[in-house]
Structure formats: structure tokens, C-alpha cells
Amino acid sequence: MRMMTSNSYDEEIIVRGSYSFKYLTPDGNATIFIVEKEDGKIERIDYFIGKAGSSVAAWCHGLVEFINFAIEKGISLNDIINKISNITSGTSVRTVSGMTCRSGPEAIFLALMKYRGMINKSKAISYEKPRIRQRH
């Protein structure tokens, strides 16, 4: 997939994939998009929660911009996940599936954890040797 982004006005980024994650938070529904470059590294994260212009949306947007800056500077995904792991509020929401989210920013943490698990799993699968089945 080819996608134009605005890192600079004349730079074209080739995007390999993007992932979207949706969570119910105490502050409203959150949607997190993780976009990868062709080399499989994260290009950027986008985040939408509740109503545009709300205080929580502004705080979450600020957090995502700092995460994108950290990614750009080469900070590892594990270090980012460790730093944002305990940003919670006094209320929580539990979904029917049993997942609990305690704040809008925690949804970013949950999405990054799920993304990391998906990437690690796909790497493990891609390194397995194919099994050849013998017919008798």
C-alpha cells in the first residue's frame, strides 16, 4: 500500500500495514491507529477519543505526539510501554469480554501491548521451518 504522509512536504512514505484498536474507556470510545513503514517499524500512532475538543482528547493527543516523537528518536516500543503503563484515573470500565480500561491514556497502553504481541507472534511464525508432509 502506498500512502502519502506529511512528515515533510516532499517525502513519500511507503506504508506496509496499519492496525486499529478500539476500546471503551471511562472517557468514551477510543480508537488507536498504528501505522507501519515498509520496514515493519512504527511510522506513527493516531488516537481519537470522545468528542473532538474535549480535555481528555487534548491530553491524549499530547501523549500520542510525545510517543510519536519518542519513536522518531529511536526509543524502543518496550521503553514506551513501560513509561505509559500506569496512567490511570479513579474510574474504570469493564467490557463484556472482561477487559478493563481505567483511562483514555491507558487505551494507548493496551493497544501498544496488543500490537507488540501481534508483531512478536508474526515474527515467531515467519521463522518457523515449513513442515513437509510425506505421503505414503
C-alpha atoms as a PDB file:
ATOM      1  CA  MET A   1       0.000   0.000   0.000  1.00  0.00           C
ATOM      2  CA  ARG A   2       1.363   3.444  -0.881  1.00  0.00           C
ATOM      3  CA  MET A   3       0.398   6.355   1.273  1.00  0.00           C
ATOM      4  CA  MET A   4       1.422   9.976   1.288  1.00  0.00           C
ATOM      5  CA  THR A   5       2.082  11.459   4.686  1.00  0.00           C
ATOM      6  CA  SER A   6       3.223  14.881   5.745  1.00  0.00           C
ATOM      7  CA  ASN A   7       6.476  14.256   7.635  1.00  0.00           C
ATOM      8  CA  SER A   8       7.944  16.708   5.169  1.00  0.00           C
ATOM      9  CA  TYR A   9       6.318  18.267   2.163  1.00  0.00           C
ATOM     10  CA  ASP A  10       8.263  16.260  -0.408  1.00  0.00           C
ATOM     11  CA  GLU A  11       8.749  12.910   1.327  1.00  0.00           C
ATOM     12  CA  GLU A  12       6.779   9.841   0.299  1.00  0.00           C
ATOM     13  CA  ILE A  13       6.414   7.091   2.877  1.00  0.00           C
ATOM     14  CA  ILE A  14       5.578   3.553   1.817  1.00  0.00           C
ATOM     15  CA  VAL A  15       3.302   2.002   4.389  1.00  0.00           C
ATOM     16  CA  ARG A  16       3.343  -1.756   4.955  1.00  0.00           C
ATOM     17  CA  GLY A  17       0.335  -2.019   7.219  1.00  0.00           C
ATOM     18  CA  SER A  18      -1.840  -0.302   9.716  1.00  0.00           C
ATOM     19  CA  TYR A  19      -3.676  -1.624  12.723  1.00  0.00           C
ATOM     20  CA  SER A  20      -6.690  -0.202  14.508  1.00  0.00           C
ATOM     21  CA  PHE A  21      -7.706  -0.909  18.076  1.00  0.00           C
ATOM     22  CA  LYS A  22     -10.956   0.158  19.743  1.00  0.00           C
ATOM     23  CA  TYR A  23     -11.509   0.363  23.483  1.00  0.00           C
ATOM     24  CA  LEU A  24     -14.263   1.530  25.767  1.00  0.00           C
ATOM     25  CA  THR A  25     -12.758   3.903  28.334  1.00  0.00           C
ATOM     26  CA  PRO A  26     -14.255   5.885  31.233  1.00  0.00           C
ATOM     27  CA  ASP A  27     -13.914   8.935  28.967  1.00  0.00           C
ATOM     28  CA  GLY A  28     -15.661   7.473  25.913  1.00  0.00           C
ATOM     29  CA  ASN A  29     -14.839   5.243  22.980  1.00  0.00           C
ATOM     30  CA  ALA A  30     -11.185   5.327  21.944  1.00  0.00           C
ATOM     31  CA  THR A  31      -9.738   4.323  18.595  1.00  0.00           C
ATOM     32  CA  ILE A  32      -5.987   3.933  18.189  1.00  0.00           C
ATOM     33  CA  PHE A  33      -4.301   3.546  14.799  1.00  0.00           C
ATOM     34  CA  ILE A  34      -0.755   2.221  14.496  1.00  0.00           C
ATOM     35  CA  VAL A  35       0.777   2.760  11.069  1.00  0.00           C
ATOM     36  CA  GLU A  36       3.915   0.882   9.994  1.00  0.00           C
ATOM     37  CA  LYS A  37       6.541   1.791   7.437  1.00  0.00           C
ATOM     38  CA  GLU A  38       7.647  -0.672   4.781  1.00  0.00           C
ATOM     39  CA  ASP A  39      10.459  -1.944   7.037  1.00  0.00           C
ATOM     40  CA  GLY A  40       7.930  -3.009   9.687  1.00  0.00           C
ATOM     41  CA  LYS A  41       8.760  -0.234  12.169  1.00  0.00           C
ATOM     42  CA  ILE A  42       6.109   2.069  13.534  1.00  0.00           C
ATOM     43  CA  GLU A  43       5.668   5.215  11.469  1.00  0.00           C
ATOM     44  CA  ARG A  44       3.184   6.893  13.785  1.00  0.00           C
ATOM     45  CA  ILE A  45       0.277   6.437  16.157  1.00  0.00           C
ATOM     46  CA  ASP A  46      -3.025   8.286  15.878  1.00  0.00           C
ATOM     47  CA  TYR A  47      -5.647   8.448  18.616  1.00  0.00           C
ATOM     48  CA  PHE A  48      -9.271   9.533  18.702  1.00  0.00           C
ATOM     49  CA  ILE A  49     -11.443   9.613  21.822  1.00  0.00           C
ATOM     50  CA  GLY A  50     -14.828  11.016  22.683  1.00  0.00           C
ATOM     51  CA  LYS A  51     -15.730  14.408  21.336  1.00  0.00           C
ATOM     52  CA  ALA A  52     -13.183  16.492  19.463  1.00  0.00           C
ATOM     53  CA  GLY A  53     -12.012  19.409  21.543  1.00  0.00           C
ATOM     54  CA  SER A  54     -12.630  17.768  24.915  1.00  0.00           C
ATOM     55  CA  SER A  55      -9.996  17.984  27.645  1.00  0.00           C
ATOM     56  CA  VAL A  56      -9.286  14.256  27.554  1.00  0.00           C
ATOM     57  CA  ALA A  57      -8.903  14.321  23.775  1.00  0.00           C
ATOM     58  CA  ALA A  58      -6.369  17.139  24.133  1.00  0.00           C
ATOM     59  CA  TRP A  59      -4.383  15.287  26.808  1.00  0.00           C
ATOM     60  CA  CYS A  60      -4.389  12.065  24.801  1.00  0.00           C
ATOM     61  CA  HIS A  61      -3.366  13.894  21.645  1.00  0.00           C
ATOM     62  CA  GLY A  62      -0.434  15.420  23.547  1.00  0.00           C
ATOM     63  CA  LEU A  63       0.607  12.000  24.864  1.00  0.00           C
ATOM     64  CA  VAL A  64       0.442  10.469  21.376  1.00  0.00           C
ATOM     65  CA  GLU A  65       2.541  13.307  19.947  1.00  0.00           C
ATOM     66  CA  PHE A  66       5.218  12.616  22.586  1.00  0.00           C
ATOM     67  CA  ILE A  67       5.056   8.888  21.807  1.00  0.00           C
ATOM     68  CA  ASN A  68       5.477   9.643  18.094  1.00  0.00           C
ATOM     69  CA  PHE A  69       8.433  11.893  18.933  1.00  0.00           C
ATOM     70  CA  ALA A  70       9.993   9.102  21.031  1.00  0.00           C
ATOM     71  CA  ILE A  71       9.513   6.623  18.167  1.00  0.00           C
ATOM     72  CA  GLU A  72      11.106   9.091  15.756  1.00  0.00           C
ATOM     73  CA  LYS A  73      14.108   9.436  18.105  1.00  0.00           C
ATOM     74  CA  GLY A  74      14.571   5.660  18.289  1.00  0.00           C
ATOM     75  CA  ILE A  75      13.130   4.931  21.750  1.00  0.00           C
ATOM     76  CA  SER A  76      12.120   1.262  21.885  1.00  0.00           C
ATOM     77  CA  LEU A  77       8.495   0.190  21.990  1.00  0.00           C
ATOM     78  CA  ASN A  78       9.169  -1.672  25.252  1.00  0.00           C
ATOM     79  CA  ASP A  79      10.506   1.503  26.917  1.00  0.00           C
ATOM     80  CA  ILE A  80       7.470   3.482  25.737  1.00  0.00           C
ATOM     81  CA  ILE A  81       5.076   0.815  27.006  1.00  0.00           C
ATOM     82  CA  ASN A  82       6.839   0.743  30.403  1.00  0.00           C
ATOM     83  CA  LYS A  83       6.588   4.528  30.796  1.00  0.00           C
ATOM     84  CA  ILE A  84       2.873   4.823  29.994  1.00  0.00           C
ATOM     85  CA  SER A  85       1.738   1.646  31.750  1.00  0.00           C
ATOM     86  CA  ASN A  86       0.226   3.277  34.845  1.00  0.00           C
ATOM     87  CA  ILE A  87      -1.571   6.347  33.526  1.00  0.00           C
ATOM     88  CA  THR A  88      -4.966   5.689  35.059  1.00  0.00           C
ATOM     89  CA  SER A  89      -7.922   7.527  36.549  1.00  0.00           C
ATOM     90  CA  GLY A  90     -10.178   6.865  39.511  1.00  0.00           C
ATOM     91  CA  THR A  91     -12.831   5.145  37.402  1.00  0.00           C
ATOM     92  CA  SER A  92     -12.746   2.087  35.190  1.00  0.00           C
ATOM     93  CA  VAL A  93     -14.877   0.393  32.563  1.00  0.00           C
ATOM     94  CA  ARG A  94     -15.185  -3.360  32.128  1.00  0.00           C
ATOM     95  CA  THR A  95     -16.351  -4.758  28.823  1.00  0.00           C
ATOM     96  CA  VAL A  96     -18.461  -7.859  28.266  1.00  0.00           C
ATOM     97  CA  SER A  97     -15.273  -9.746  27.345  1.00  0.00           C
ATOM     98  CA  GLY A  98     -13.833  -8.864  30.778  1.00  0.00           C
ATOM     99  CA  MET A  99     -11.220  -6.325  29.643  1.00  0.00           C
ATOM    100  CA  THR A 100     -10.828  -3.366  31.999  1.00  0.00           C
ATOM    101  CA  CYS A 101      -9.709   0.092  30.908  1.00  0.00           C
ATOM    102  CA  ARG A 102      -9.046   2.706  33.601  1.00  0.00           C
ATOM    103  CA  SER A 103      -8.441   5.833  31.484  1.00  0.00           C
ATOM    104  CA  GLY A 104      -8.242   7.251  27.990  1.00  0.00           C
ATOM    105  CA  PRO A 105      -4.422   7.116  28.011  1.00  0.00           C
ATOM    106  CA  GLU A 106      -4.498   3.520  29.241  1.00  0.00           C
ATOM    107  CA  ALA A 107      -6.210   2.593  25.971  1.00  0.00           C
ATOM    108  CA  ILE A 108      -2.980   3.635  24.201  1.00  0.00           C
ATOM    109  CA  PHE A 109      -1.036   1.305  26.512  1.00  0.00           C
ATOM    110  CA  LEU A 110      -3.472  -1.555  25.817  1.00  0.00           C
ATOM    111  CA  ALA A 111      -3.225  -1.019  22.052  1.00  0.00           C
ATOM    112  CA  LEU A 112       0.591  -0.979  22.145  1.00  0.00           C
ATOM    113  CA  MET A 113       0.622  -4.168  24.231  1.00  0.00           C
ATOM    114  CA  LYS A 114      -1.709  -5.910  21.806  1.00  0.00           C
ATOM    115  CA  TYR A 115       0.305  -4.654  18.822  1.00  0.00           C
ATOM    116  CA  ARG A 116       3.570  -5.875  20.382  1.00  0.00           C
ATOM    117  CA  GLY A 117       2.016  -9.303  20.956  1.00  0.00           C
ATOM    118  CA  MET A 118       0.784  -9.475  17.367  1.00  0.00           C
ATOM    119  CA  ILE A 119       4.191  -8.481  15.976  1.00  0.00           C
ATOM    120  CA  ASN A 120       6.080 -10.944  18.197  1.00  0.00           C
ATOM    121  CA  LYS A 121       3.693 -13.712  17.186  1.00  0.00           C
ATOM    122  CA  SER A 122       4.061 -12.970  13.469  1.00  0.00           C
ATOM    123  CA  LYS A 123       7.869 -12.947  13.779  1.00  0.00           C
ATOM    124  CA  ALA A 124       7.802 -16.310  15.525  1.00  0.00           C
ATOM    125  CA  ILE A 125       5.602 -17.757  12.809  1.00  0.00           C
ATOM    126  CA  SER A 126       7.725 -16.375   9.987  1.00  0.00           C
ATOM    127  CA  TYR A 127      10.889 -18.018  11.354  1.00  0.00           C
ATOM    128  CA  GLU A 128       9.416 -21.493  11.659  1.00  0.00           C
ATOM    129  CA  LYS A 129      10.638 -24.018   9.126  1.00  0.00           C
ATOM    130  CA  PRO A 130       7.851 -25.389   6.954  1.00  0.00           C
ATOM    131  CA  ARG A 131       6.908 -28.957   7.638  1.00  0.00           C
ATOM    132  CA  ILE A 132       6.968 -31.294   4.687  1.00  0.00           C
ATOM    133  CA  ARG A 133       4.296 -33.891   4.806  1.00  0.00           C
ATOM    134  CA  GLN A 134       5.268 -37.286   3.403  1.00  0.00           C
ATOM    135  CA  ARG A 135       2.635 -39.195   1.522  1.00  0.00           C
ATOM    136  CA  HIS A 136       2.752 -42.949   1.868  1.00  0.00           C
END
